[in-house]
Amino acid sequence: MIPMVDKNSILLRYFRDGESKSSISRCLKISRKTVRKYINEHQGLTDSLSLERSLEEGLSTKPRYKSTGRSKRKLNREMTQEIKFCLEKNKEKLCQGLHKQQMKKIDIHEYLLSKNYEIGYTTVCNYIRELQAKTKEAFIKQIYKPGETCEFDWGEVKIKIDGVLKKLNIAVFTSAYSNYRYAKLFSRQDTLAFSQSHIDFHSYTKGVFKEMVYDNMRVAVARFVGTSEQRATEALLELSNYYTFKFRFCNIRKGNEKGHVERSVEYIRRKSFCI
């Protein structure tokens, strides 16, 4: 917005000094259209009011602008690309388990300022909010065949043993087709317990599912590659090769992708250990 001092300079240069509109526009670095607008407004006031009042009205009134229907001028394509770049970096850090090292909105704003962009913090927040509102998820119910998919997960339960309350871990297997459940207690959630639970499960069922589903537990995922790929641990690869099942991992923080076993942990804990 043009300050009142600049409006005063426009009128003085034109009416007092006789300077041309083009010269005023060039010297004050204000568009010629704006210069012409304020000169014409002042001339209209002069024609309808006394000289003293016209000077008072013309020189003291702050410039007014129509703010409705105006497009965003500060937020250009280069800035939006930089903001999207920062958000993608946040996704990568989330996949790597570095959720505490993600950039907040204030950090993204400071990053843009360091790139010599002129943009307000509120504008950055509003644009990020618009992007997040557009990315809505859709969920599709899956249909499974018998013997096709089995889900695995860990759970915890507290049990009194010899009068001492102890925390134990439950290894839970659930068929995606029938919701058949198998569970076994372990003292730890380490690699040895992970492998032993699979050996006991396959020995009990006397069969192997075509596919096993895991979340991003440490005993199954060795490391993350990029934003979406997980590398399996040696223990999981050995189990997969021996029992000839394929495996897949859920996306980060997407427990609903193995919803059968998620509910099974709660079900087994309630039915077996509540009495």
Protein backbone atom coordinates (compact mmCIF):
# COMPACT_ATOMS: atom_id res chain seq x y z
CA MET A 1 0.00 0.00 0.00
CA ILE A 2 1.28 3.53 -0.87
CA PRO A 3 1.84 5.60 2.31
CA MET A 4 0.30 9.01 2.80
CA VAL A 5 3.72 10.68 2.36
CA ASP A 6 4.04 9.30 -1.19
CA LYS A 7 0.56 10.51 -2.09
CA ASN A 8 1.56 13.96 -0.84
CA SER A 9 4.70 13.86 -2.97
CA ILE A 10 2.70 12.95 -6.07
CA LEU A 11 0.35 15.91 -5.69
CA LEU A 12 3.10 18.41 -4.81
CA ARG A 13 5.31 17.36 -7.69
CA TYR A 14 2.46 17.61 -10.18
CA PHE A 15 0.55 20.72 -9.04
CA ARG A 16 3.36 22.74 -7.46
CA ASP A 17 6.45 21.78 -9.42
CA GLY A 18 4.75 21.06 -12.73
CA GLU A 19 6.45 17.68 -13.07
CA SER A 20 4.99 15.24 -15.61
CA LYS A 21 3.18 12.08 -14.56
CA SER A 22 5.81 9.93 -16.24
CA SER A 23 8.62 11.68 -14.37
CA ILE A 24 6.78 11.31 -11.04
CA SER A 25 6.19 7.61 -11.72
CA ARG A 26 9.85 7.06 -12.58
CA CYS A 27 11.30 9.02 -9.63
CA LEU A 28 8.98 7.62 -6.95
CA LYS A 29 8.96 4.11 -8.50
CA ILE A 30 5.16 4.09 -8.54
CA SER A 31 3.11 2.91 -11.50
CA ARG A 32 1.87 5.63 -13.86
CA LYS A 33 -1.68 4.34 -13.44
CA THR A 34 -1.51 4.97 -9.68
CA VAL A 35 -0.05 8.46 -10.17
CA ARG A 36 -2.80 9.35 -12.62
CA LYS A 37 -5.46 7.99 -10.24
CA TYR A 38 -4.50 10.24 -7.32
CA ILE A 39 -4.07 13.31 -9.51
CA ASN A 40 -7.55 12.81 -11.00
CA GLU A 41 -9.06 12.26 -7.55
CA HIS A 42 -7.50 15.49 -6.31
CA GLN A 43 -8.73 17.42 -9.35
CA GLY A 44 -12.27 16.13 -8.71
CA LEU A 45 -12.13 17.36 -5.12
CA THR A 46 -10.78 20.74 -6.23
CA ASP A 47 -13.69 21.24 -8.63
CA SER A 48 -16.31 20.51 -5.96
CA LEU A 49 -14.76 22.01 -2.79
CA SER A 50 -13.09 25.22 -1.74
CA LEU A 51 -9.34 25.48 -2.23
CA GLU A 52 -8.46 25.10 1.48
CA ARG A 53 -10.78 22.13 1.99
CA SER A 54 -9.64 20.45 -1.23
CA LEU A 55 -6.04 20.62 -0.07
CA GLU A 56 -7.05 19.18 3.30
CA GLU A 57 -9.03 16.35 1.74
CA GLY A 58 -6.57 15.64 -1.04
CA LEU A 59 -3.34 15.70 0.93
CA SER A 60 -4.42 14.14 4.22
CA THR A 61 -6.67 11.25 3.14
CA LYS A 62 -4.94 7.88 3.12
CA PRO A 63 -4.99 6.02 -0.21
CA ARG A 64 -7.83 3.48 -0.42
CA TYR A 65 -7.64 0.16 -2.25
CA LYS A 66 -10.14 -2.43 -3.28
CA SER A 67 -9.04 -5.59 -1.48
CA THR A 68 -11.82 -7.95 -2.62
CA GLY A 69 -11.11 -10.40 -5.41
CA ARG A 70 -7.39 -9.76 -5.48
CA SER A 71 -5.05 -12.62 -6.39
CA LYS A 72 -2.02 -13.61 -4.32
CA ARG A 73 1.00 -11.66 -5.51
CA LYS A 74 3.66 -12.58 -2.98
CA LEU A 75 3.23 -16.34 -3.29
CA ASN A 76 4.64 -17.22 -6.71
CA ARG A 77 5.47 -20.52 -8.39
CA GLU A 78 9.07 -20.58 -7.14
CA MET A 79 7.94 -20.20 -3.53
CA THR A 80 5.32 -22.94 -3.81
CA GLN A 81 7.96 -25.31 -5.21
CA GLU A 82 10.26 -24.53 -2.27
CA ILE A 83 7.44 -25.18 0.23
CA LYS A 84 6.61 -28.50 -1.46
CA PHE A 85 10.32 -29.40 -1.35
CA CYS A 86 10.37 -28.83 2.42
CA LEU A 87 7.22 -30.92 2.91
CA GLU A 88 8.72 -33.79 0.89
CA LYS A 89 11.82 -33.66 3.09
CA ASN A 90 9.53 -33.95 6.10
CA LYS A 91 7.99 -37.10 4.62
CA GLU A 92 11.43 -38.63 4.09
CA LYS A 93 12.42 -37.91 7.69
CA LEU A 94 9.16 -39.42 8.92
CA CYS A 95 9.90 -42.62 7.01
CA GLN A 96 13.37 -42.73 8.55
CA GLY A 97 11.97 -42.41 12.07
CA LEU A 98 13.20 -38.81 12.43
CA HIS A 99 9.80 -37.29 13.16
CA LYS A 100 11.30 -34.93 15.75
CA GLN A 101 13.60 -33.44 13.11
CA GLN A 102 10.88 -32.33 10.71
CA MET A 103 10.58 -28.68 9.72
CA LYS A 104 7.70 -26.79 11.29
CA LYS A 105 5.85 -24.01 9.49
CA ILE A 106 8.02 -21.37 11.15
CA ASP A 107 11.15 -23.23 9.95
CA ILE A 108 9.84 -23.34 6.38
CA HIS A 109 9.12 -19.60 6.56
CA GLU A 110 12.66 -18.91 7.78
CA TYR A 111 14.03 -21.15 5.02
CA LEU A 112 12.20 -19.05 2.39
CA LEU A 113 13.52 -15.84 3.93
CA SER A 114 17.05 -17.24 3.77
CA LYS A 115 16.47 -17.72 0.02
CA ASN A 116 15.68 -13.97 -0.22
CA TYR A 117 11.96 -14.51 -0.83
CA GLU A 118 9.63 -11.83 0.53
CA ILE A 119 6.71 -13.69 2.06
CA GLY A 120 4.77 -13.55 5.32
CA TYR A 121 4.47 -16.36 7.86
CA THR A 122 0.65 -16.35 7.60
CA THR A 123 0.84 -16.83 3.83
CA VAL A 124 3.08 -19.87 4.30
CA CYS A 125 0.72 -21.37 6.89
CA ASN A 126 -2.35 -20.82 4.70
CA TYR A 127 -0.72 -22.44 1.66
CA ILE A 128 0.43 -25.51 3.65
CA ARG A 129 -3.07 -25.82 5.07
CA GLU A 130 -4.51 -25.77 1.53
CA LEU A 131 -2.11 -28.50 0.40
CA GLN A 132 -2.94 -30.73 3.34
CA ALA A 133 -6.67 -30.28 2.81
CA LYS A 134 -6.36 -31.50 -0.78
CA THR A 135 -4.61 -34.78 0.12
CA LYS A 136 -7.54 -36.76 1.51
CA GLU A 137 -7.27 -40.52 1.77
CA ALA A 138 -9.72 -43.07 0.41
CA PHE A 139 -10.06 -46.52 1.94
CA ILE A 140 -11.07 -49.64 0.01
CA LYS A 141 -12.24 -52.79 1.77
CA GLN A 142 -10.05 -55.76 0.82
CA ILE A 143 -11.34 -59.23 -0.08
CA TYR A 144 -9.08 -62.17 0.79
CA LYS A 145 -8.95 -65.82 -0.24
CA PRO A 146 -8.42 -68.75 2.17
CA GLY A 147 -4.74 -69.33 2.95
CA GLU A 148 -3.69 -66.17 1.15
CA THR A 149 -2.74 -63.54 3.79
CA CYS A 150 -1.76 -63.65 7.45
CA GLU A 151 -0.93 -60.62 9.61
CA PHE A 152 1.60 -60.49 12.47
CA ASP A 153 1.95 -58.07 15.36
CA TRP A 154 3.27 -57.72 18.89
CA GLY A 155 1.16 -56.86 21.92
CA GLU A 156 1.76 -56.42 25.64
CA VAL A 157 0.02 -57.82 28.69
CA LYS A 158 0.67 -57.55 32.44
CA ILE A 159 0.31 -60.77 34.44
CA LYS A 160 0.87 -61.60 38.09
CA ILE A 161 3.31 -64.52 38.44
CA ASP A 162 4.04 -65.69 41.99
CA GLY A 163 2.50 -62.47 43.27
CA VAL A 164 4.74 -60.27 41.11
CA LEU A 165 3.25 -58.18 38.30
CA LYS A 166 5.25 -58.73 35.13
CA LYS A 167 4.97 -57.32 31.62
CA LEU A 168 5.04 -59.95 28.87
CA ASN A 169 4.85 -59.73 25.09
CA ILE A 170 2.30 -61.49 22.89
CA ALA A 171 3.18 -62.62 19.36
CA VAL A 172 -0.12 -62.66 17.48
CA PHE A 173 -0.94 -64.16 14.06
CA THR A 174 -4.32 -63.54 12.40
CA SER A 175 -5.76 -64.86 9.14
CA ALA A 176 -7.12 -62.02 7.00
CA TYR A 177 -9.79 -64.32 5.55
CA SER A 178 -11.21 -66.10 8.61
CA ASN A 179 -9.83 -64.05 11.56
CA TYR A 180 -8.29 -67.26 12.91
CA ARG A 181 -5.98 -66.23 15.76
CA TYR A 182 -2.83 -67.76 17.21
CA ALA A 183 -0.87 -66.18 20.06
CA LYS A 184 2.12 -67.01 22.24
CA LEU A 185 3.76 -65.25 25.19
CA PHE A 186 7.42 -64.17 25.20
CA SER A 187 9.51 -62.27 27.70
CA ARG A 188 11.02 -60.05 24.97
CA GLN A 189 10.38 -58.75 21.45
CA ASP A 190 13.81 -59.58 20.07
CA THR A 191 14.88 -61.45 16.95
CA LEU A 192 15.00 -64.82 18.71
CA ALA A 193 11.40 -64.47 19.92
CA PHE A 194 10.32 -63.25 16.48
CA SER A 195 11.80 -66.33 14.75
CA GLN A 196 10.58 -68.78 17.41
CA SER A 197 7.00 -67.44 17.16
CA HIS A 198 6.97 -68.18 13.42
CA ILE A 199 8.40 -71.66 13.91
CA ASP A 200 5.77 -72.48 16.54
CA PHE A 201 2.93 -70.99 14.46
CA HIS A 202 3.74 -72.96 11.31
CA SER A 203 4.31 -76.11 13.31
CA TYR A 204 0.89 -75.71 14.97
CA THR A 205 -1.06 -74.90 11.79
CA LYS A 206 0.86 -77.45 9.67
CA GLY A 207 0.69 -75.05 6.76
CA VAL A 208 2.05 -71.78 5.35
CA PHE A 209 0.19 -68.69 4.17
CA LYS A 210 1.21 -67.26 0.81
CA GLU A 211 1.81 -63.81 2.28
CA MET A 212 2.74 -62.39 5.70
CA VAL A 213 2.05 -58.74 6.61
CA TYR A 214 4.14 -56.73 9.11
CA ASP A 215 4.30 -53.17 10.35
CA ASN A 216 7.64 -51.36 10.63
CA MET A 217 8.88 -53.26 13.70
CA ARG A 218 12.64 -53.39 14.20
CA VAL A 219 12.83 -57.18 14.14
CA ALA A 220 11.32 -57.17 10.62
CA VAL A 221 12.63 -53.94 9.04
CA ALA A 222 16.39 -53.46 8.91
CA ARG A 223 16.34 -49.98 7.38
CA PHE A 224 14.37 -47.59 5.19
CA VAL A 225 15.30 -46.68 1.63
CA GLY A 226 13.82 -43.46 0.27
CA THR A 227 10.29 -42.52 1.26
CA SER A 228 8.47 -45.80 0.70
CA GLU A 229 10.83 -48.81 0.58
CA GLN A 230 11.76 -50.96 3.57
CA ARG A 231 14.59 -53.49 3.68
CA ALA A 232 13.88 -56.72 5.58
CA THR A 233 16.10 -58.07 8.35
CA GLU A 234 18.18 -61.22 7.92
CA ALA A 235 15.83 -63.08 10.29
CA LEU A 236 12.77 -62.29 8.18
CA LEU A 237 14.58 -63.20 4.96
CA GLU A 238 15.63 -66.55 6.42
CA LEU A 239 12.06 -67.33 7.54
CA SER A 240 10.68 -66.29 4.14
CA ASN A 241 13.17 -68.48 2.27
CA TYR A 242 12.65 -71.50 4.51
CA TYR A 243 8.83 -71.42 4.62
CA THR A 244 8.54 -69.96 1.08
CA PHE A 245 6.13 -67.16 1.92
CA LYS A 246 6.35 -63.64 0.55
CA PHE A 247 6.02 -60.64 2.84
CA ARG A 248 5.03 -56.99 2.69
CA PHE A 249 5.16 -54.04 5.09
CA CYS A 250 2.52 -51.48 6.03
CA ASN A 251 3.07 -47.82 5.32
CA ILE A 252 4.36 -45.62 8.13
CA ARG A 253 1.76 -45.08 10.90
CA LYS A 254 -0.88 -47.04 8.96
CA GLY A 255 -2.01 -49.68 11.40
CA ASN A 256 -5.34 -49.92 9.57
CA GLU A 257 -3.50 -51.77 6.77
CA LYS A 258 -3.26 -54.78 9.11
CA GLY A 259 -6.50 -54.16 10.95
CA HIS A 260 -7.26 -57.85 11.55
CA VAL A 261 -4.28 -58.44 13.81
CA GLU A 262 -4.59 -55.00 15.42
CA ARG A 263 -8.02 -55.98 16.72
CA SER A 264 -6.79 -59.49 17.56
CA VAL A 265 -4.23 -58.20 20.07
CA GLU A 266 -6.98 -56.40 21.99
CA TYR A 267 -9.34 -59.39 21.64
CA ILE A 268 -6.85 -61.96 22.97
CA ARG A 269 -5.75 -59.72 25.82
CA ARG A 270 -9.37 -59.16 26.87
CA LYS A 271 -10.59 -62.75 26.47
CA SER A 272 -7.57 -64.51 27.95
CA PHE A 273 -6.30 -62.22 30.70
CA CYS A 274 -9.23 -60.22 32.05
CA ILE A 275 -10.48 -62.87 34.48
